[in-house]
């Protein structure tokens, strides 16, 4: 099954997690990280979820799943250990046109959550269409080692450069070529080593002369308090 790759904006949208165990905990944490409005439906929750609920970071319907619980939801995770409840959630999600992720039925789910990690604004994800979650995790772990913490700063730095270039270079094809040439350099290595002099020299060589490169470097260093 071919799945369409997409990043969802769930901020301030109702996301329901049916279940209160460890799987539900992982789903709740990832939804909260993305500013979703989380509602848990379960007669019990693990202590970590209790703490989240106590902090008023998520709403809790302290009971079993009931018809109508998906009303107004943007998406739902069915994360119980009860096949009958899982099926009930799936059926109602179909009727209510709510996107479903079912822990025990990847083929019957509307979306999958890939193995992933973040470097600031950069999201790196690996998916196998549900074929081998273990392989997804193995590849993700390898990438996580290769793409170190410095990539958070690299992404933000390139965003600053992009804004400056967009203001000075009108032709999109010229901008693409400029960034293609810029990324041939080891930006991550320079940031990781704190080699700001060579970073500035590289920018002076690659960027148009009317871009204030020293100011770019200054703003970047101030942003990261280096």
N, C-alpha and C. Protein backbone atom coordinates (compact mmCIF):
# COMPACT_ATOMS: atom_id res chain seq x y z
N UNK A 1 0.85 -1.20 0.00
CA UNK A 1 0.00 0.00 0.00
C UNK A 1 0.88 1.25 0.00
N UNK A 2 0.65 2.12 -0.95
CA UNK A 2 1.42 3.36 -1.05
C UNK A 2 0.75 4.42 -0.18
N UNK A 3 1.50 4.98 0.75
CA UNK A 3 0.98 6.03 1.64
C UNK A 3 1.51 7.39 1.21
N UNK A 4 0.64 8.39 1.27
CA UNK A 4 1.02 9.74 0.87
C UNK A 4 1.78 10.41 2.00
N UNK A 5 3.00 10.89 1.77
CA UNK A 5 3.77 11.54 2.84
C UNK A 5 3.26 12.95 3.09
N UNK A 6 3.00 13.26 4.37
CA UNK A 6 2.46 14.57 4.69
C UNK A 6 2.80 14.91 6.15
N UNK A 7 3.04 16.17 6.43
CA UNK A 7 3.19 16.65 7.80
C UNK A 7 1.91 17.40 8.18
N UNK A 8 1.28 16.99 9.27
CA UNK A 8 0.00 17.57 9.67
C UNK A 8 0.19 18.66 10.71
N UNK A 9 -0.54 19.74 10.56
CA UNK A 9 -0.63 20.78 11.59
C UNK A 9 -1.81 20.43 12.48
N UNK A 10 -1.53 19.93 13.69
CA UNK A 10 -2.61 19.54 14.60
C UNK A 10 -2.79 20.55 15.74
N UNK A 11 -2.10 21.67 15.69
CA UNK A 11 -2.19 22.65 16.76
C UNK A 11 -3.64 23.07 16.98
N UNK A 12 -4.10 22.98 18.23
CA UNK A 12 -5.45 23.38 18.64
C UNK A 12 -6.55 22.57 17.98
N UNK A 13 -6.21 21.36 17.51
CA UNK A 13 -7.22 20.46 16.96
C UNK A 13 -7.42 19.27 17.90
N UNK A 14 -8.65 18.82 18.00
CA UNK A 14 -8.98 17.75 18.93
C UNK A 14 -8.43 16.41 18.42
N UNK A 15 -7.57 15.81 19.23
CA UNK A 15 -6.98 14.51 18.93
C UNK A 15 -7.34 13.56 20.06
N UNK A 16 -7.95 12.44 19.73
CA UNK A 16 -8.45 11.50 20.74
C UNK A 16 -7.57 10.27 20.78
N UNK A 17 -7.24 9.86 21.99
CA UNK A 17 -6.50 8.61 22.21
C UNK A 17 -7.40 7.70 23.02
N UNK A 18 -7.80 6.57 22.44
CA UNK A 18 -8.62 5.60 23.14
C UNK A 18 -7.68 4.54 23.70
N UNK A 19 -7.56 4.51 25.02
CA UNK A 19 -6.62 3.63 25.68
C UNK A 19 -5.81 4.41 26.69
N UNK A 20 -5.28 3.70 27.69
CA UNK A 20 -4.55 4.39 28.73
C UNK A 20 -3.24 3.74 29.12
N UNK A 21 -2.71 2.87 28.26
CA UNK A 21 -1.47 2.15 28.56
C UNK A 21 -0.24 2.83 28.00
N UNK A 22 0.84 2.05 27.87
CA UNK A 22 2.11 2.60 27.41
C UNK A 22 2.04 3.09 25.96
N UNK A 23 1.32 2.36 25.11
CA UNK A 23 1.17 2.80 23.72
C UNK A 23 0.44 4.13 23.69
N UNK A 24 -0.63 4.23 24.45
CA UNK A 24 -1.38 5.49 24.52
C UNK A 24 -0.50 6.63 25.04
N UNK A 25 0.36 6.33 26.01
CA UNK A 25 1.25 7.35 26.55
C UNK A 25 2.16 7.92 25.47
N UNK A 26 2.72 7.05 24.64
CA UNK A 26 3.59 7.53 23.55
C UNK A 26 2.81 8.42 22.59
N UNK A 27 1.59 8.03 22.27
CA UNK A 27 0.78 8.83 21.35
C UNK A 27 0.46 10.19 21.96
N UNK A 28 0.07 10.19 23.23
CA UNK A 28 -0.29 11.45 23.90
C UNK A 28 0.90 12.40 23.92
N UNK A 29 2.07 11.89 24.28
CA UNK A 29 3.26 12.75 24.33
C UNK A 29 3.57 13.36 22.97
N UNK A 30 3.47 12.57 21.91
CA UNK A 30 3.79 13.11 20.58
C UNK A 30 2.76 14.13 20.14
N UNK A 31 1.50 13.93 20.50
CA UNK A 31 0.46 14.89 20.16
C UNK A 31 0.65 16.20 20.93
N UNK A 32 1.00 16.11 22.20
CA UNK A 32 1.23 17.30 22.99
C UNK A 32 2.44 18.08 22.49
N UNK A 33 3.47 17.36 22.02
CA UNK A 33 4.65 18.03 21.46
C UNK A 33 4.27 18.92 20.29
N UNK A 34 3.21 18.54 19.58
CA UNK A 34 2.77 19.29 18.40
C UNK A 34 1.56 20.17 18.68
N UNK A 35 1.29 20.41 19.97
CA UNK A 35 0.25 21.36 20.40
C UNK A 35 -1.17 20.90 20.09
N UNK A 36 -1.36 19.59 19.95
CA UNK A 36 -2.72 19.09 19.75
C UNK A 36 -3.53 19.20 21.04
N UNK A 37 -4.86 19.30 20.89
CA UNK A 37 -5.77 19.25 22.03
C UNK A 37 -6.11 17.78 22.27
N UNK A 38 -5.62 17.23 23.36
CA UNK A 38 -5.66 15.78 23.56
C UNK A 38 -6.78 15.39 24.53
N UNK A 39 -7.54 14.39 24.10
CA UNK A 39 -8.57 13.79 24.97
C UNK A 39 -8.29 12.29 25.06
N UNK A 40 -8.21 11.79 26.28
CA UNK A 40 -7.97 10.37 26.53
C UNK A 40 -9.29 9.73 26.95
N UNK A 41 -9.62 8.61 26.31
CA UNK A 41 -10.82 7.86 26.68
C UNK A 41 -10.37 6.49 27.17
N UNK A 42 -10.51 6.24 28.48
CA UNK A 42 -10.07 4.97 29.04
C UNK A 42 -10.52 4.89 30.50
N UNK A 43 -10.91 3.71 30.96
CA UNK A 43 -11.30 3.58 32.37
C UNK A 43 -10.10 3.67 33.32
N UNK A 44 -8.89 3.52 32.78
CA UNK A 44 -7.68 3.63 33.61
C UNK A 44 -6.58 4.25 32.76
N UNK A 45 -5.56 4.79 33.42
CA UNK A 45 -4.39 5.31 32.72
C UNK A 45 -3.15 4.96 33.53
N UNK A 46 -2.02 4.85 32.86
CA UNK A 46 -0.75 4.61 33.54
C UNK A 46 -0.36 5.87 34.32
N UNK A 47 0.49 5.73 35.33
CA UNK A 47 0.84 6.88 36.18
C UNK A 47 1.34 8.10 35.40
N UNK A 48 2.12 7.87 34.34
CA UNK A 48 2.64 9.00 33.56
C UNK A 48 1.50 9.81 32.92
N UNK A 49 0.46 9.10 32.48
CA UNK A 49 -0.69 9.80 31.92
C UNK A 49 -1.48 10.51 33.03
N UNK A 50 -1.54 9.89 34.19
CA UNK A 50 -2.20 10.56 35.32
C UNK A 50 -1.57 11.91 35.60
N UNK A 51 -0.24 11.95 35.53
CA UNK A 51 0.47 13.20 35.79
C UNK A 51 0.15 14.24 34.73
N UNK A 52 0.10 13.82 33.46
CA UNK A 52 -0.25 14.73 32.38
C UNK A 52 -1.66 15.29 32.58
N UNK A 53 -2.57 14.42 32.99
CA UNK A 53 -3.95 14.85 33.23
C UNK A 53 -4.02 15.79 34.42
N UNK A 54 -3.26 15.46 35.48
CA UNK A 54 -3.22 16.31 36.67
C UNK A 54 -2.72 17.71 36.32
N UNK A 55 -1.79 17.79 35.39
CA UNK A 55 -1.24 19.08 34.96
C UNK A 55 -2.17 19.81 33.99
N UNK A 56 -3.32 19.20 33.71
CA UNK A 56 -4.33 19.77 32.80
C UNK A 56 -3.80 19.94 31.38
N UNK A 57 -2.88 19.07 31.00
CA UNK A 57 -2.37 19.10 29.63
C UNK A 57 -3.20 18.24 28.70
N UNK A 58 -4.05 17.39 29.27
CA UNK A 58 -4.93 16.54 28.47
C UNK A 58 -6.23 16.34 29.24
N UNK A 59 -7.30 16.11 28.48
CA UNK A 59 -8.61 15.85 29.06
C UNK A 59 -8.79 14.33 29.19
N UNK A 60 -9.50 13.89 30.24
CA UNK A 60 -9.68 12.44 30.46
C UNK A 60 -11.14 12.10 30.64
N UNK A 61 -11.64 11.25 29.76
CA UNK A 61 -12.95 10.63 29.96
C UNK A 61 -12.69 9.31 30.67
N UNK A 62 -12.93 9.28 31.97
CA UNK A 62 -12.56 8.13 32.81
C UNK A 62 -13.62 7.04 32.72
N UNK A 63 -13.65 6.42 31.56
CA UNK A 63 -14.63 5.36 31.29
C UNK A 63 -14.25 4.64 30.02
N UNK A 64 -15.01 3.60 29.69
CA UNK A 64 -14.78 2.91 28.44
C UNK A 64 -15.27 3.73 27.26
N UNK A 65 -14.84 3.32 26.07
CA UNK A 65 -15.23 4.01 24.85
C UNK A 65 -16.73 3.89 24.62
N UNK A 66 -17.35 4.98 24.13
CA UNK A 66 -18.79 4.99 23.86
C UNK A 66 -19.05 5.65 22.52
N UNK A 67 -20.11 5.23 21.90
CA UNK A 67 -20.50 5.81 20.62
C UNK A 67 -20.69 7.32 20.78
N UNK A 68 -20.15 8.07 19.84
CA UNK A 68 -20.23 9.52 19.89
C UNK A 68 -18.97 10.18 20.41
N UNK A 69 -18.03 9.39 20.92
CA UNK A 69 -16.81 9.96 21.48
C UNK A 69 -15.92 10.62 20.44
N UNK A 70 -16.11 10.30 19.17
CA UNK A 70 -15.26 10.88 18.13
C UNK A 70 -15.83 12.16 17.53
N UNK A 71 -16.98 12.58 18.03
CA UNK A 71 -17.61 13.78 17.47
C UNK A 71 -16.68 14.99 17.62
N UNK A 72 -16.41 15.65 16.49
CA UNK A 72 -15.59 16.85 16.49
C UNK A 72 -14.09 16.60 16.47
N UNK A 73 -13.68 15.33 16.41
CA UNK A 73 -12.25 15.02 16.44
C UNK A 73 -11.61 15.20 15.07
N UNK A 74 -10.33 15.54 15.07
CA UNK A 74 -9.55 15.65 13.84
C UNK A 74 -8.92 14.31 13.50
N UNK A 75 -8.41 13.63 14.52
CA UNK A 75 -7.86 12.29 14.33
C UNK A 75 -8.00 11.51 15.62
N UNK A 76 -7.86 10.17 15.50
CA UNK A 76 -8.01 9.31 16.66
C UNK A 76 -6.99 8.18 16.61
N UNK A 77 -6.44 7.86 17.78
CA UNK A 77 -5.59 6.69 17.95
C UNK A 77 -6.37 5.65 18.74
N UNK A 78 -6.56 4.48 18.16
CA UNK A 78 -7.16 3.36 18.89
C UNK A 78 -6.01 2.54 19.46
N UNK A 79 -5.83 2.63 20.78
CA UNK A 79 -4.64 2.04 21.41
C UNK A 79 -5.02 1.23 22.64
N UNK A 80 -6.06 0.43 22.51
CA UNK A 80 -6.46 -0.45 23.60
C UNK A 80 -5.98 -1.86 23.29
N UNK A 81 -6.10 -2.74 24.27
CA UNK A 81 -5.76 -4.15 24.03
C UNK A 81 -6.99 -4.98 23.75
N UNK A 82 -8.11 -4.33 23.50
CA UNK A 82 -9.39 -5.03 23.32
C UNK A 82 -9.81 -4.97 21.85
N UNK A 83 -9.76 -6.09 21.13
CA UNK A 83 -10.11 -6.09 19.70
C UNK A 83 -11.51 -5.56 19.43
N UNK A 84 -12.45 -5.82 20.34
CA UNK A 84 -13.83 -5.35 20.13
C UNK A 84 -13.89 -3.82 20.17
N UNK A 85 -13.20 -3.23 21.14
CA UNK A 85 -13.18 -1.77 21.24
C UNK A 85 -12.45 -1.18 20.03
N UNK A 86 -11.36 -1.80 19.64
CA UNK A 86 -10.61 -1.34 18.48
C UNK A 86 -11.52 -1.28 17.24
N UNK A 87 -12.33 -2.32 17.08
CA UNK A 87 -13.24 -2.38 15.93
C UNK A 87 -14.31 -1.31 16.02
N UNK A 88 -14.82 -1.07 17.22
CA UNK A 88 -15.84 -0.03 17.41
C UNK A 88 -15.28 1.35 17.03
N UNK A 89 -14.06 1.61 17.46
CA UNK A 89 -13.45 2.90 17.14
C UNK A 89 -13.26 3.02 15.63
N UNK A 90 -12.80 1.94 15.00
CA UNK A 90 -12.59 1.95 13.55
C UNK A 90 -13.89 2.23 12.80
N UNK A 91 -14.96 1.58 13.21
CA UNK A 91 -16.24 1.76 12.52
C UNK A 91 -16.75 3.19 12.67
N UNK A 92 -16.65 3.73 13.89
CA UNK A 92 -17.15 5.09 14.09
C UNK A 92 -16.26 6.11 13.37
N UNK A 93 -14.96 5.86 13.34
CA UNK A 93 -14.06 6.78 12.63
C UNK A 93 -14.44 6.85 11.15
N UNK A 94 -14.80 5.69 10.57
CA UNK A 94 -15.22 5.68 9.18
C UNK A 94 -16.50 6.46 8.96
N UNK A 95 -17.45 6.33 9.87
CA UNK A 95 -18.72 7.03 9.74
C UNK A 95 -18.57 8.54 9.95
N UNK A 96 -17.69 8.90 10.87
CA UNK A 96 -17.52 10.32 11.21
C UNK A 96 -16.45 11.00 10.35
N UNK A 97 -15.80 10.24 9.48
CA UNK A 97 -14.72 10.75 8.63
C UNK A 97 -13.60 11.36 9.47
N UNK A 98 -13.23 10.63 10.51
CA UNK A 98 -12.11 11.01 11.37
C UNK A 98 -10.93 10.10 11.01
N UNK A 99 -9.77 10.68 10.83
CA UNK A 99 -8.59 9.89 10.47
C UNK A 99 -8.20 8.97 11.64
N UNK A 100 -7.96 7.71 11.32
CA UNK A 100 -7.73 6.68 12.33
C UNK A 100 -6.34 6.08 12.22
N UNK A 101 -5.74 5.90 13.40
CA UNK A 101 -4.55 5.05 13.52
C UNK A 101 -4.88 3.98 14.54
N UNK A 102 -4.87 2.73 14.09
CA UNK A 102 -5.21 1.62 14.96
C UNK A 102 -3.96 0.81 15.27
N UNK A 103 -3.66 0.67 16.56
CA UNK A 103 -2.42 0.02 16.98
C UNK A 103 -2.33 -1.43 16.52
N UNK A 104 -3.48 -2.10 16.40
CA UNK A 104 -3.46 -3.53 16.04
C UNK A 104 -3.84 -3.78 14.59
N UNK A 105 -4.02 -2.71 13.82
CA UNK A 105 -4.48 -2.89 12.43
C UNK A 105 -3.87 -1.82 11.53
N UNK A 106 -2.56 -1.92 11.24
CA UNK A 106 -1.93 -0.90 10.38
C UNK A 106 -2.53 -0.83 8.99
N UNK A 107 -2.93 -1.97 8.44
CA UNK A 107 -3.52 -1.98 7.10
C UNK A 107 -4.86 -1.25 7.09
N UNK A 108 -5.62 -1.38 8.17
CA UNK A 108 -6.92 -0.72 8.24
C UNK A 108 -6.87 0.70 8.75
N UNK A 109 -5.67 1.22 9.00
CA UNK A 109 -5.52 2.58 9.50
C UNK A 109 -5.49 3.58 8.34
N UNK A 110 -5.92 4.80 8.62
CA UNK A 110 -5.87 5.87 7.62
C UNK A 110 -4.49 6.50 7.54
N UNK A 111 -3.72 6.41 8.62
CA UNK A 111 -2.38 6.99 8.62
C UNK A 111 -1.49 6.19 9.57
N UNK A 112 -0.20 6.25 9.32
CA UNK A 112 0.80 5.66 10.19
C UNK A 112 1.68 6.77 10.74
N UNK A 113 2.25 6.54 11.91
CA UNK A 113 3.23 7.47 12.47
C UNK A 113 4.60 6.84 12.27
N UNK A 114 5.44 7.43 11.41
CA UNK A 114 6.73 6.82 11.13
C UNK A 114 7.70 6.96 12.30
N UNK A 115 8.72 6.12 12.33
CA UNK A 115 9.83 6.34 13.25
C UNK A 115 10.43 7.70 12.92
N UNK A 116 10.70 8.50 13.93
CA UNK A 116 11.16 9.85 13.63
C UNK A 116 11.96 10.44 14.78
N UNK A 117 12.68 11.51 14.48
CA UNK A 117 13.33 12.33 15.50
C UNK A 117 13.39 13.75 14.98
N UNK A 118 13.67 14.68 15.87
CA UNK A 118 13.68 16.10 15.51
C UNK A 118 15.03 16.72 15.81
N UNK A 119 15.37 17.66 14.97
CA UNK A 119 16.50 18.55 15.21
C UNK A 119 15.97 19.97 15.06
N UNK A 120 15.39 20.48 16.14
CA UNK A 120 14.74 21.79 16.06
C UNK A 120 13.56 21.71 15.11
N UNK A 121 13.58 22.53 14.08
CA UNK A 121 12.48 22.57 13.11
C UNK A 121 12.56 21.43 12.09
N UNK A 122 13.67 20.73 12.07
CA UNK A 122 13.83 19.64 11.11
C UNK A 122 13.27 18.35 11.68
N UNK A 123 12.37 17.73 10.92
CA UNK A 123 11.79 16.45 11.29
C UNK A 123 12.31 15.39 10.32
N UNK A 124 12.92 14.34 10.86
CA UNK A 124 13.44 13.25 10.04
C UNK A 124 12.61 12.01 10.35
N UNK A 125 12.01 11.43 9.32
CA UNK A 125 11.11 10.30 9.51
C UNK A 125 11.45 9.16 8.56
N UNK A 126 11.23 7.94 9.03
CA UNK A 126 11.46 6.74 8.22
C UNK A 126 10.24 5.85 8.34
N UNK A 127 9.69 5.42 7.22
CA UNK A 127 8.50 4.58 7.23
C UNK A 127 8.66 3.40 6.28
N UNK A 128 8.08 2.29 6.66
CA UNK A 128 8.08 1.10 5.79
C UNK A 128 6.65 0.68 5.47
N UNK A 129 5.69 1.59 5.61
CA UNK A 129 4.30 1.25 5.32
C UNK A 129 3.74 0.19 6.24
N UNK A 130 4.29 0.10 7.44
CA UNK A 130 3.84 -0.92 8.39
C UNK A 130 4.49 -2.27 8.17
N UNK A 131 5.34 -2.38 7.13
CA UNK A 131 5.95 -3.66 6.80
C UNK A 131 6.96 -4.14 7.81
N UNK A 132 7.76 -3.21 8.35
CA UNK A 132 8.78 -3.59 9.33
C UNK A 132 9.13 -2.39 10.21
N UNK A 133 8.36 -2.18 11.28
CA UNK A 133 8.69 -1.10 12.21
C UNK A 133 10.11 -1.22 12.78
N UNK A 134 10.58 -2.45 12.96
CA UNK A 134 11.93 -2.64 13.49
C UNK A 134 12.98 -2.07 12.54
N UNK A 135 12.79 -2.29 11.23
CA UNK A 135 13.72 -1.74 10.25
C UNK A 135 13.66 -0.21 10.25
N UNK A 136 12.47 0.34 10.37
CA UNK A 136 12.33 1.80 10.45
C UNK A 136 13.12 2.35 11.61
N UNK A 137 13.00 1.71 12.77
CA UNK A 137 13.72 2.18 13.96
C UNK A 137 15.23 2.06 13.78
N UNK A 138 15.67 0.96 13.16
CA UNK A 138 17.11 0.76 12.97
C UNK A 138 17.69 1.85 12.06
N UNK A 139 17.00 2.14 10.97
CA UNK A 139 17.46 3.19 10.05
C UNK A 139 17.43 4.55 10.74
N UNK A 140 16.36 4.78 11.50
CA UNK A 140 16.23 6.06 12.21
C UNK A 140 17.38 6.25 13.19
N UNK A 141 17.73 5.20 13.93
CA UNK A 141 18.83 5.29 14.90
C UNK A 141 20.15 5.62 14.21
N UNK A 142 20.35 5.04 13.03
CA UNK A 142 21.57 5.34 12.28
C UNK A 142 21.59 6.80 11.84
N UNK A 143 20.47 7.30 11.34
CA UNK A 143 20.39 8.69 10.91
C UNK A 143 20.54 9.64 12.09
N UNK A 144 20.01 9.24 13.23
CA UNK A 144 20.07 10.09 14.42
C UNK A 144 21.52 10.32 14.86
N UNK A 145 22.36 9.30 14.65
CA UNK A 145 23.78 9.45 14.97
C UNK A 145 24.48 10.33 13.94
N UNK A 146 24.09 10.19 12.66
CA UNK A 146 24.73 10.95 11.60
C UNK A 146 24.33 12.42 11.63
N UNK A 147 23.07 12.67 11.94
CA UNK A 147 22.54 14.05 11.95
C UNK A 147 22.50 14.52 13.40
N UNK A 148 23.63 15.04 13.87
CA UNK A 148 23.78 15.40 15.28
C UNK A 148 23.01 16.64 15.67
N UNK A 149 23.12 17.03 16.95
CA UNK A 149 22.38 18.19 17.47
C UNK A 149 22.68 19.49 16.74
N UNK A 150 23.86 19.57 16.09
CA UNK A 150 24.22 20.81 15.39
C UNK A 150 23.26 21.13 14.25
N UNK A 151 22.52 20.13 13.77
CA UNK A 151 21.61 20.37 12.64
C UNK A 151 20.45 21.29 13.02
N UNK A 152 20.12 21.36 14.30
CA UNK A 152 19.10 22.33 14.72
C UNK A 152 19.56 23.74 14.39
N UNK A 153 20.84 24.04 14.71
CA UNK A 153 21.39 25.36 14.42
C UNK A 153 21.55 25.57 12.92
N UNK A 154 21.95 24.51 12.20
CA UNK A 154 22.14 24.62 10.75
C UNK A 154 20.83 25.00 10.06
N UNK A 155 19.73 24.37 10.46
CA UNK A 155 18.43 24.66 9.85
C UNK A 155 18.04 26.12 10.09
N UNK A 156 18.20 26.58 11.32
CA UNK A 156 17.85 27.97 11.63
C UNK A 156 18.77 28.96 10.91
N UNK A 157 20.04 28.60 10.80
CA UNK A 157 20.98 29.47 10.09
C UNK A 157 20.59 29.58 8.61
N UNK A 158 20.27 28.44 8.00
CA UNK A 158 19.87 28.46 6.59
C UNK A 158 18.58 29.23 6.38
N UNK A 159 17.71 29.22 7.37
CA UNK A 159 16.48 30.03 7.27
C UNK A 159 16.83 31.52 7.22
N UNK A 160 17.82 31.94 8.02
CA UNK A 160 18.27 33.33 7.98
C UNK A 160 18.88 33.67 6.62
N UNK A 161 19.71 32.76 6.12
CA UNK A 161 20.33 32.98 4.81
C UNK A 161 19.26 33.03 3.73
N UNK A 162 18.30 32.15 3.81
CA UNK A 162 17.23 32.10 2.79
C UNK A 162 16.46 33.41 2.74
N UNK A 163 16.16 33.97 3.91
CA UNK A 163 15.43 35.25 3.94
C UNK A 163 16.26 36.35 3.27
N UNK A 164 17.55 36.38 3.57
CA UNK A 164 18.42 37.40 2.98
C UNK A 164 18.54 37.22 1.47
N UNK A 165 18.66 35.97 1.04
CA UNK A 165 18.79 35.69 -0.39
C UNK A 165 17.50 36.01 -1.13
N UNK A 166 16.38 35.67 -0.54
CA UNK A 166 15.08 35.94 -1.18
C UNK A 166 14.89 37.43 -1.42
N UNK A 167 15.38 38.24 -0.50
CA UNK A 167 15.24 39.69 -0.64
C UNK A 167 16.15 40.28 -1.70
N UNK A 168 17.21 39.55 -2.06
CA UNK A 168 18.21 40.09 -2.99
C UNK A 168 18.22 39.39 -4.35
N UNK A 169 17.79 38.14 -4.41
CA UNK A 169 17.86 37.36 -5.66
C UNK A 169 16.44 37.05 -6.10
N UNK A 170 16.02 37.66 -7.20
CA UNK A 170 14.62 37.55 -7.62
C UNK A 170 14.32 36.24 -8.34
N UNK A 171 15.26 35.76 -9.13
CA UNK A 171 15.02 34.59 -9.97
C UNK A 171 15.07 33.30 -9.13
N UNK A 172 13.96 32.52 -9.10
CA UNK A 172 13.94 31.28 -8.31
C UNK A 172 15.03 30.29 -8.73
N UNK A 173 15.30 30.19 -10.03
CA UNK A 173 16.33 29.25 -10.49
C UNK A 173 17.72 29.68 -9.99
N UNK A 174 17.95 30.98 -9.93
CA UNK A 174 19.23 31.47 -9.40
C UNK A 174 19.34 31.16 -7.91
N UNK A 175 18.23 31.29 -7.20
CA UNK A 175 18.25 30.96 -5.77
C UNK A 175 18.52 29.48 -5.55
N UNK A 176 17.88 28.64 -6.36
CA UNK A 176 18.11 27.19 -6.23
C UNK A 176 19.57 26.86 -6.45
N UNK A 177 20.17 27.44 -7.48
CA UNK A 177 21.58 27.16 -7.78
C UNK A 177 22.47 27.65 -6.64
N UNK A 178 22.14 28.81 -6.11
CA UNK A 178 22.94 29.36 -5.01
C UNK A 178 22.93 28.42 -3.81
N UNK A 179 21.75 27.93 -3.44
CA UNK A 179 21.67 27.05 -2.28
C UNK A 179 22.28 25.68 -2.58
N UNK A 180 22.17 25.24 -3.82
CA UNK A 180 22.81 23.97 -4.20
C UNK A 180 24.32 24.08 -3.99
N UNK A 181 24.91 25.19 -4.41
CA UNK A 181 26.35 25.39 -4.24
C UNK A 181 26.71 25.57 -2.77
N UNK A 182 25.84 26.29 -2.05
CA UNK A 182 26.10 26.52 -0.62
C UNK A 182 26.14 25.20 0.14
N UNK A 183 25.23 24.29 -0.18
CA UNK A 183 25.12 23.04 0.55
C UNK A 183 26.18 22.01 0.15
N UNK A 184 27.00 22.34 -0.84
CA UNK A 184 28.15 21.48 -1.13
C UNK A 184 29.20 21.59 -0.03
N UNK A 185 29.13 22.66 0.73
CA UNK A 185 30.07 22.89 1.83
C UNK A 185 29.61 22.15 3.09
N UNK A 186 30.53 21.90 3.99
CA UNK A 186 30.22 21.19 5.23
C UNK A 186 29.73 22.17 6.30
N UNK A 187 28.51 22.66 6.11
CA UNK A 187 27.95 23.62 7.06
C UNK A 187 27.85 23.02 8.46
N UNK A 188 27.39 21.76 8.52
CA UNK A 188 27.21 21.12 9.83
C UNK A 188 28.55 21.01 10.56
N UNK A 189 29.59 20.66 9.83
CA UNK A 189 30.91 20.55 10.45
C UNK A 189 31.40 21.87 10.99
N UNK A 190 31.21 22.95 10.22
CA UNK A 190 31.64 24.27 10.67
C UNK A 190 30.89 24.71 11.92
N UNK A 191 29.58 24.44 11.95
CA UNK A 191 28.77 24.80 13.13
C UNK A 191 29.17 23.94 14.32
N UNK A 192 29.35 22.65 14.08
CA UNK A 192 29.73 21.74 15.16
C UNK A 192 31.05 22.14 15.81
N UNK A 193 31.99 22.58 14.98
CA UNK A 193 33.32 22.97 15.49
C UNK A 193 33.37 24.41 15.97
N UNK A 194 32.30 25.17 15.73
CA UNK A 194 32.32 26.58 16.11
C UNK A 194 33.30 27.39 15.29
N UNK A 195 33.48 26.97 14.04
CA UNK A 195 34.45 27.62 13.15
C UNK A 195 33.76 28.75 12.40
N UNK A 196 33.52 29.86 13.12
CA UNK A 196 32.73 30.95 12.55
C UNK A 196 33.49 31.73 11.49
N UNK A 197 34.81 31.76 11.62
CA UNK A 197 35.61 32.48 10.62
C UNK A 197 35.47 31.81 9.25
N UNK A 198 35.68 30.50 9.18
CA UNK A 198 35.57 29.79 7.90
C UNK A 198 34.13 29.82 7.38
N UNK A 199 33.16 29.81 8.29
CA UNK A 199 31.76 29.90 7.87
C UNK A 199 31.51 31.23 7.18
N UNK A 200 32.04 32.31 7.77
CA UNK A 200 31.86 33.63 7.15
C UNK A 200 32.60 33.72 5.83
N UNK A 201 33.80 33.17 5.73
CA UNK A 201 34.56 33.20 4.48
C UNK A 201 33.81 32.42 3.39
N UNK A 202 33.22 31.31 3.77
CA UNK A 202 32.46 30.52 2.80
C UNK A 202 31.25 31.28 2.29
N UNK A 203 30.56 31.97 3.19
CA UNK A 203 29.39 32.75 2.78
C UNK A 203 29.80 33.91 1.88
N UNK A 204 30.90 34.54 2.20
CA UNK A 204 31.38 35.64 1.36
C UNK A 204 31.67 35.16 -0.06
N UNK A 205 32.11 33.93 -0.18
CA UNK A 205 32.40 33.37 -1.50
C UNK A 205 31.15 32.96 -2.25
N UNK A 206 30.15 32.44 -1.52
CA UNK A 206 28.97 31.87 -2.18
C UNK A 206 27.81 32.84 -2.36
N UNK A 207 27.68 33.82 -1.46
CA UNK A 207 26.52 34.71 -1.51
C UNK A 207 26.80 35.95 -2.35
N UNK A 208 25.75 36.58 -2.89
CA UNK A 208 25.92 37.82 -3.64
C UNK A 208 26.58 38.89 -2.78
N UNK A 209 27.38 39.76 -3.38
CA UNK A 209 28.14 40.76 -2.60
C UNK A 209 27.26 41.76 -1.87
N UNK A 210 26.01 41.95 -2.31
CA UNK A 210 25.17 42.93 -1.64
C UNK A 210 24.45 42.37 -0.41
N UNK A 211 24.74 41.12 -0.05
CA UNK A 211 24.20 40.55 1.18
C UNK A 211 25.21 40.78 2.30
N UNK A 212 24.75 41.30 3.42
CA UNK A 212 25.63 41.63 4.55
C UNK A 212 25.96 40.35 5.32
N UNK A 213 26.99 39.67 4.87
CA UNK A 213 27.38 38.40 5.48
C UNK A 213 27.80 38.54 6.95
N UNK A 214 28.64 39.52 7.30
CA UNK A 214 28.99 39.66 8.72
C UNK A 214 27.77 39.85 9.62
N UNK A 215 26.76 40.57 9.12
CA UNK A 215 25.55 40.76 9.91
C UNK A 215 24.80 39.45 10.08
N UNK A 216 24.78 38.63 9.03
CA UNK A 216 24.14 37.31 9.13
C UNK A 216 24.80 36.48 10.23
N UNK A 217 26.12 36.43 10.21
CA UNK A 217 26.84 35.67 11.22
C UNK A 217 26.58 36.24 12.61
N UNK A 218 26.59 37.55 12.74
CA UNK A 218 26.35 38.20 14.03
C UNK A 218 24.97 37.84 14.57
N UNK A 219 23.94 37.93 13.71
CA UNK A 219 22.58 37.61 14.15
C UNK A 219 22.45 36.15 14.55
N UNK A 220 23.12 35.29 13.79
CA UNK A 220 23.08 33.87 14.09
C UNK A 220 23.71 33.58 15.46
N UNK A 221 24.87 34.15 15.70
CA UNK A 221 25.56 33.91 16.98
C UNK A 221 24.79 34.48 18.15
N UNK A 222 24.15 35.62 17.94
CA UNK A 222 23.34 36.20 19.02
C UNK A 222 22.13 35.32 19.33
N UNK A 223 21.55 34.74 18.28
CA UNK A 223 20.38 33.89 18.46
C UNK A 223 20.73 32.64 19.28
N UNK A 224 21.96 32.15 19.11
CA UNK A 224 22.36 30.94 19.82
C UNK A 224 23.28 31.22 20.99
N UNK A 225 23.47 32.52 21.30
CA UNK A 225 24.22 32.92 22.49
C UNK A 225 25.60 32.27 22.52
N UNK A 226 26.30 32.36 21.39
CA UNK A 226 27.61 31.73 21.29
C UNK A 226 28.70 32.78 21.38
